[in-house]
Amino acid sequence: MAAEELLKRARLAAGKTQADIAWAAGTSRTTLSAYEHGRKSPTLDTAERIVEAAGYEFALDPRVEFTDHLTRRGRPFSVPDRLFRLPLDRAFAKVVLPLHLNWSDPGAEYDLSNPADRRLVFQRVLLEGLPEDIRRYVDGALLIDLWPELVLPTEIREAWVPLVEHVVVR
């Protein structure tokens, strides 16, 4: 993500004006506008101040890589190299799955704050989902919580077990 997109996204997510963020970050509104439009590039320290003024942490998160697998019947599925957390508003959102994940009930809405709905979504995403679907809908901690209840083909469950067992201490 480019610096201008990051800064603008943080400001908009905070519901603040350029003037509000610029004042809190110790810069001018015109300079912030130039950063957000890519006319100027902020230093790392300046970008951190602006992001923090919007109420966010400037953080370095590990990259999640996916490995492609095939079931015995030749159906592809993907598994990440690590579990990750979703922002709370996404982890507990109401969602309508894309057609490739929910072809039997298109347009149905699922409430991820409801464990039964979340279980259905996780099962569908782990079975049919692409890496971007896993990133969008599956929160690692909530997956671990539901893991014993998920109904998955053996080869998919076995491919995910190392991730789950790495976190769960028995």
C-alpha atoms as a PDB file:
ATOM      1  CA  MET A   1       0.000   0.000   0.000  1.00  0.00           C
ATOM      2  CA  ALA A   2       1.354   3.421  -0.937  1.00  0.00           C
ATOM      3  CA  ALA A   3       1.930   6.039   1.772  1.00  0.00           C
ATOM      4  CA  GLU A   4      -0.786   8.308   0.401  1.00  0.00           C
ATOM      5  CA  GLU A   5      -3.392   5.534   0.557  1.00  0.00           C
ATOM      6  CA  LEU A   6      -2.344   4.520   4.073  1.00  0.00           C
ATOM      7  CA  LEU A   7      -2.570   8.067   5.425  1.00  0.00           C
ATOM      8  CA  LYS A   8      -5.893   8.808   3.768  1.00  0.00           C
ATOM      9  CA  ARG A   9      -7.371   5.465   4.859  1.00  0.00           C
ATOM     10  CA  ALA A  10      -6.348   6.073   8.498  1.00  0.00           C
ATOM     11  CA  ARG A  11      -7.837   9.577   8.472  1.00  0.00           C
ATOM     12  CA  LEU A  12     -11.110   8.513   6.870  1.00  0.00           C
ATOM     13  CA  ALA A  13     -11.461   5.502   9.182  1.00  0.00           C
ATOM     14  CA  ALA A  14     -11.037   7.876  12.131  1.00  0.00           C
ATOM     15  CA  GLY A  15     -13.765  10.131  10.713  1.00  0.00           C
ATOM     16  CA  LYS A  16     -11.465  13.159  10.921  1.00  0.00           C
ATOM     17  CA  THR A  17     -10.790  16.054   8.594  1.00  0.00           C
ATOM     18  CA  GLN A  18      -7.376  16.823   7.177  1.00  0.00           C
ATOM     19  CA  ALA A  19      -7.247  19.873   9.459  1.00  0.00           C
ATOM     20  CA  ASP A  20      -7.954  17.751  12.559  1.00  0.00           C
ATOM     21  CA  ILE A  21      -5.262  15.196  11.762  1.00  0.00           C
ATOM     22  CA  ALA A  22      -2.723  17.789  10.619  1.00  0.00           C
ATOM     23  CA  TRP A  23      -3.115  19.767  13.839  1.00  0.00           C
ATOM     24  CA  ALA A  24      -2.803  16.631  16.028  1.00  0.00           C
ATOM     25  CA  ALA A  25       0.236  15.431  14.045  1.00  0.00           C
ATOM     26  CA  GLY A  26       2.004  18.797  14.115  1.00  0.00           C
ATOM     27  CA  THR A  27       1.883  19.501  10.391  1.00  0.00           C
ATOM     28  CA  SER A  28      -0.201  21.715   8.123  1.00  0.00           C
ATOM     29  CA  ARG A  29      -3.387  20.760   6.320  1.00  0.00           C
ATOM     30  CA  THR A  30      -1.830  21.596   2.953  1.00  0.00           C
ATOM     31  CA  THR A  31       1.160  19.354   3.689  1.00  0.00           C
ATOM     32  CA  LEU A  32      -1.140  16.512   4.750  1.00  0.00           C
ATOM     33  CA  SER A  33      -3.148  17.020   1.555  1.00  0.00           C
ATOM     34  CA  ALA A  34       0.065  16.805  -0.473  1.00  0.00           C
ATOM     35  CA  TYR A  35       0.947  13.527   1.297  1.00  0.00           C
ATOM     36  CA  GLU A  36      -2.525  12.093   0.695  1.00  0.00           C
ATOM     37  CA  HIS A  37      -2.412  12.990  -3.004  1.00  0.00           C
ATOM     38  CA  GLY A  38       1.125  11.677  -3.549  1.00  0.00           C
ATOM     39  CA  ARG A  39       2.590  15.100  -4.345  1.00  0.00           C
ATOM     40  CA  LYS A  40       4.981  14.793  -1.397  1.00  0.00           C
ATOM     41  CA  SER A  41       6.359  11.788   0.457  1.00  0.00           C
ATOM     42  CA  PRO A  42       6.414  11.877   4.253  1.00  0.00           C
ATOM     43  CA  THR A  43       9.345  10.538   6.228  1.00  0.00           C
ATOM     44  CA  LEU A  44       8.669   7.383   8.213  1.00  0.00           C
ATOM     45  CA  ASP A  45       8.537   9.445  11.437  1.00  0.00           C
ATOM     46  CA  THR A  46       6.014  11.847   9.909  1.00  0.00           C
ATOM     47  CA  ALA A  47       3.830   9.042   8.563  1.00  0.00           C
ATOM     48  CA  GLU A  48       3.860   7.426  12.010  1.00  0.00           C
ATOM     49  CA  ARG A  49       2.784  10.708  13.674  1.00  0.00           C
ATOM     50  CA  ILE A  50      -0.078  11.127  11.189  1.00  0.00           C
ATOM     51  CA  VAL A  51      -1.299   7.555  11.574  1.00  0.00           C
ATOM     52  CA  GLU A  52      -1.121   7.822  15.370  1.00  0.00           C
ATOM     53  CA  ALA A  53      -2.998  11.155  15.258  1.00  0.00           C
ATOM     54  CA  ALA A  54      -5.796   9.214  13.534  1.00  0.00           C
ATOM     55  CA  GLY A  55      -5.857   6.768  16.451  1.00  0.00           C
ATOM     56  CA  TYR A  56      -3.932   3.905  14.857  1.00  0.00           C
ATOM     57  CA  GLU A  57      -0.637   2.196  15.525  1.00  0.00           C
ATOM     58  CA  PHE A  58       2.004   2.204  12.871  1.00  0.00           C
ATOM     59  CA  ALA A  59       2.879  -1.484  12.910  1.00  0.00           C
ATOM     60  CA  LEU A  60       4.779  -4.094  11.001  1.00  0.00           C
ATOM     61  CA  ASP A  61       2.764  -7.266  10.517  1.00  0.00           C
ATOM     62  CA  PRO A  62       4.131 -10.550   9.208  1.00  0.00           C
ATOM     63  CA  ARG A  63       3.227 -11.396   5.640  1.00  0.00           C
ATOM     64  CA  VAL A  64       0.888 -14.336   5.279  1.00  0.00           C
ATOM     65  CA  GLU A  65       1.818 -16.736   2.482  1.00  0.00           C
ATOM     66  CA  PHE A  66      -0.500 -19.433   1.152  1.00  0.00           C
ATOM     67  CA  THR A  67       0.264 -22.950  -0.050  1.00  0.00           C
ATOM     68  CA  ASP A  68      -1.995 -24.585  -2.602  1.00  0.00           C
ATOM     69  CA  HIS A  69      -3.115 -28.179  -2.017  1.00  0.00           C
ATOM     70  CA  LEU A  70      -5.384 -30.670  -3.752  1.00  0.00           C
ATOM     71  CA  THR A  71      -7.932 -32.993  -2.197  1.00  0.00           C
ATOM     72  CA  ARG A  72      -7.900 -36.655  -3.255  1.00  0.00           C
ATOM     73  CA  ARG A  73     -10.541 -35.788  -5.833  1.00  0.00           C
ATOM     74  CA  GLY A  74      -8.417 -32.993  -7.281  1.00  0.00           C
ATOM     75  CA  ARG A  75     -10.255 -30.029  -5.706  1.00  0.00           C
ATOM     76  CA  PRO A  76      -7.832 -27.182  -4.904  1.00  0.00           C
ATOM     77  CA  PHE A  77      -7.679 -25.499  -1.511  1.00  0.00           C
ATOM     78  CA  SER A  78      -5.285 -23.050   0.146  1.00  0.00           C
ATOM     79  CA  VAL A  79      -3.699 -22.963   3.598  1.00  0.00           C
ATOM     80  CA  PRO A  80      -1.864 -19.972   5.099  1.00  0.00           C
ATOM     81  CA  ASP A  81       1.536 -20.320   6.751  1.00  0.00           C
ATOM     82  CA  ARG A  82       0.225 -18.658   9.922  1.00  0.00           C
ATOM     83  CA  LEU A  83      -3.021 -17.708  11.598  1.00  0.00           C
ATOM     84  CA  PHE A  84      -3.865 -14.034  11.695  1.00  0.00           C
ATOM     85  CA  ARG A  85      -6.410 -11.725  13.300  1.00  0.00           C
ATOM     86  CA  LEU A  86      -9.035  -9.650  11.550  1.00  0.00           C
ATOM     87  CA  PRO A  87     -10.095  -6.197  12.711  1.00  0.00           C
ATOM     88  CA  LEU A  88     -13.036  -6.610  15.089  1.00  0.00           C
ATOM     89  CA  ASP A  89     -15.492  -4.900  12.754  1.00  0.00           C
ATOM     90  CA  ARG A  90     -14.691  -7.518  10.079  1.00  0.00           C
ATOM     91  CA  ALA A  91     -14.418 -10.500  12.427  1.00  0.00           C
ATOM     92  CA  PHE A  92     -17.961  -9.906  13.717  1.00  0.00           C
ATOM     93  CA  ALA A  93     -19.557  -8.357  10.605  1.00  0.00           C
ATOM     94  CA  LYS A  94     -22.684  -9.333   8.752  1.00  0.00           C
ATOM     95  CA  VAL A  95     -21.563 -10.707   5.393  1.00  0.00           C
ATOM     96  CA  VAL A  96     -22.996 -11.934   2.117  1.00  0.00           C
ATOM     97  CA  LEU A  97     -20.614 -14.494   0.660  1.00  0.00           C
ATOM     98  CA  PRO A  98     -19.660 -14.313  -2.997  1.00  0.00           C
ATOM     99  CA  LEU A  99     -21.303 -16.825  -5.324  1.00  0.00           C
ATOM    100  CA  HIS A 100     -18.258 -19.133  -5.514  1.00  0.00           C
ATOM    101  CA  LEU A 101     -18.544 -19.649  -1.726  1.00  0.00           C
ATOM    102  CA  ASN A 102     -22.305 -19.833  -1.441  1.00  0.00           C
ATOM    103  CA  TRP A 103     -23.722 -21.075  -4.716  1.00  0.00           C
ATOM    104  CA  SER A 104     -26.489 -23.050  -2.969  1.00  0.00           C
ATOM    105  CA  ASP A 105     -27.985 -20.018  -1.171  1.00  0.00           C
ATOM    106  CA  PRO A 106     -26.916 -16.882  -3.062  1.00  0.00           C
ATOM    107  CA  GLY A 107     -27.528 -13.596  -1.293  1.00  0.00           C
ATOM    108  CA  ALA A 108     -27.876 -15.150   2.163  1.00  0.00           C
ATOM    109  CA  GLU A 109     -26.543 -12.962   4.957  1.00  0.00           C
ATOM    110  CA  TYR A 110     -24.401 -14.445   7.735  1.00  0.00           C
ATOM    111  CA  ASP A 111     -23.760 -12.784  11.070  1.00  0.00           C
ATOM    112  CA  LEU A 112     -20.180 -13.551  12.094  1.00  0.00           C
ATOM    113  CA  SER A 113     -20.999 -12.547  15.680  1.00  0.00           C
ATOM    114  CA  ASN A 114     -23.254 -15.627  15.782  1.00  0.00           C
ATOM    115  CA  PRO A 115     -21.105 -18.764  16.328  1.00  0.00           C
ATOM    116  CA  ALA A 116     -23.429 -20.960  14.240  1.00  0.00           C
ATOM    117  CA  ASP A 117     -23.244 -18.582  11.267  1.00  0.00           C
ATOM    118  CA  ARG A 118     -19.495 -18.177  11.758  1.00  0.00           C
ATOM    119  CA  ARG A 119     -19.063 -21.974  11.700  1.00  0.00           C
ATOM    120  CA  LEU A 120     -20.912 -22.213   8.378  1.00  0.00           C
ATOM    121  CA  VAL A 121     -18.862 -19.399   6.864  1.00  0.00           C
ATOM    122  CA  PHE A 122     -15.554 -20.856   8.072  1.00  0.00           C
ATOM    123  CA  GLN A 123     -16.454 -24.300   6.721  1.00  0.00           C
ATOM    124  CA  ARG A 124     -17.341 -22.866   3.317  1.00  0.00           C
ATOM    125  CA  VAL A 125     -14.290 -20.641   3.144  1.00  0.00           C
ATOM    126  CA  LEU A 126     -11.851 -23.387   4.155  1.00  0.00           C
ATOM    127  CA  LEU A 127     -13.480 -25.768   1.676  1.00  0.00           C
ATOM    128  CA  GLU A 128     -14.113 -23.470  -1.311  1.00  0.00           C
ATOM    129  CA  GLY A 129     -12.223 -20.266  -0.606  1.00  0.00           C
ATOM    130  CA  LEU A 130      -9.342 -18.583  -2.317  1.00  0.00           C
ATOM    131  CA  PRO A 131      -6.560 -16.959  -0.283  1.00  0.00           C
ATOM    132  CA  GLU A 132      -8.338 -13.584  -0.481  1.00  0.00           C
ATOM    133  CA  ASP A 133     -11.503 -15.198   0.951  1.00  0.00           C
ATOM    134  CA  ILE A 134      -9.541 -16.652   3.858  1.00  0.00           C
ATOM    135  CA  ARG A 135      -7.996 -13.223   4.504  1.00  0.00           C
ATOM    136  CA  ARG A 136     -11.422 -11.563   4.349  1.00  0.00           C
ATOM    137  CA  TYR A 137     -13.516 -13.916   6.508  1.00  0.00           C
ATOM    138  CA  VAL A 138     -11.371 -16.131   8.782  1.00  0.00           C
ATOM    139  CA  ASP A 139     -10.055 -14.807  12.085  1.00  0.00           C
ATOM    140  CA  GLY A 140      -7.391 -17.114  13.559  1.00  0.00           C
ATOM    141  CA  ALA A 141      -8.532 -16.985  17.198  1.00  0.00           C
ATOM    142  CA  LEU A 142     -12.173 -17.521  16.266  1.00  0.00           C
ATOM    143  CA  LEU A 143     -11.155 -20.405  13.995  1.00  0.00           C
ATOM    144  CA  ILE A 144      -9.345 -22.096  16.877  1.00  0.00           C
ATOM    145  CA  ASP A 145     -12.396 -21.618  19.090  1.00  0.00           C
ATOM    146  CA  LEU A 146     -14.656 -23.323  16.516  1.00  0.00           C
ATOM    147  CA  TRP A 147     -12.109 -25.896  15.294  1.00  0.00           C
ATOM    148  CA  PRO A 148     -13.605 -28.921  17.119  1.00  0.00           C
ATOM    149  CA  GLU A 149     -17.039 -28.171  15.616  1.00  0.00           C
ATOM    150  CA  LEU A 150     -15.989 -27.642  11.992  1.00  0.00           C
ATOM    151  CA  VAL A 151     -17.034 -30.333   9.537  1.00  0.00           C
ATOM    152  CA  LEU A 152     -14.276 -30.537   6.927  1.00  0.00           C
ATOM    153  CA  PRO A 153     -12.925 -33.189   4.578  1.00  0.00           C
ATOM    154  CA  THR A 154     -10.036 -35.085   6.170  1.00  0.00           C
ATOM    155  CA  GLU A 155      -7.328 -33.726   3.875  1.00  0.00           C
ATOM    156  CA  ILE A 156      -8.374 -30.110   4.489  1.00  0.00           C
ATOM    157  CA  ARG A 157      -8.516 -30.646   8.253  1.00  0.00           C
ATOM    158  CA  GLU A 158      -5.094 -32.351   8.207  1.00  0.00           C
ATOM    159  CA  ALA A 159      -3.563 -29.478   6.233  1.00  0.00           C
ATOM    160  CA  TRP A 160      -4.815 -26.929   8.799  1.00  0.00           C
ATOM    161  CA  VAL A 161      -3.983 -28.977  11.933  1.00  0.00           C
ATOM    162  CA  PRO A 162      -0.347 -27.779  12.237  1.00  0.00           C
ATOM    163  CA  LEU A 163      -1.541 -24.165  12.390  1.00  0.00           C
ATOM    164  CA  VAL A 164      -4.144 -24.929  15.036  1.00  0.00           C
ATOM    165  CA  GLU A 165      -1.923 -27.211  17.117  1.00  0.00           C
ATOM    166  CA  HIS A 166       0.886 -24.651  17.007  1.00  0.00           C
ATOM    167  CA  VAL A 167      -1.348 -22.272  18.967  1.00  0.00           C
ATOM    168  CA  VAL A 168      -3.440 -24.592  21.133  1.00  0.00           C
ATOM    169  CA  VAL A 169      -1.567 -25.847  24.183  1.00  0.00           C
ATOM    170  CA  ARG A 170      -2.979 -29.078  25.505  1.00  0.00           C
END
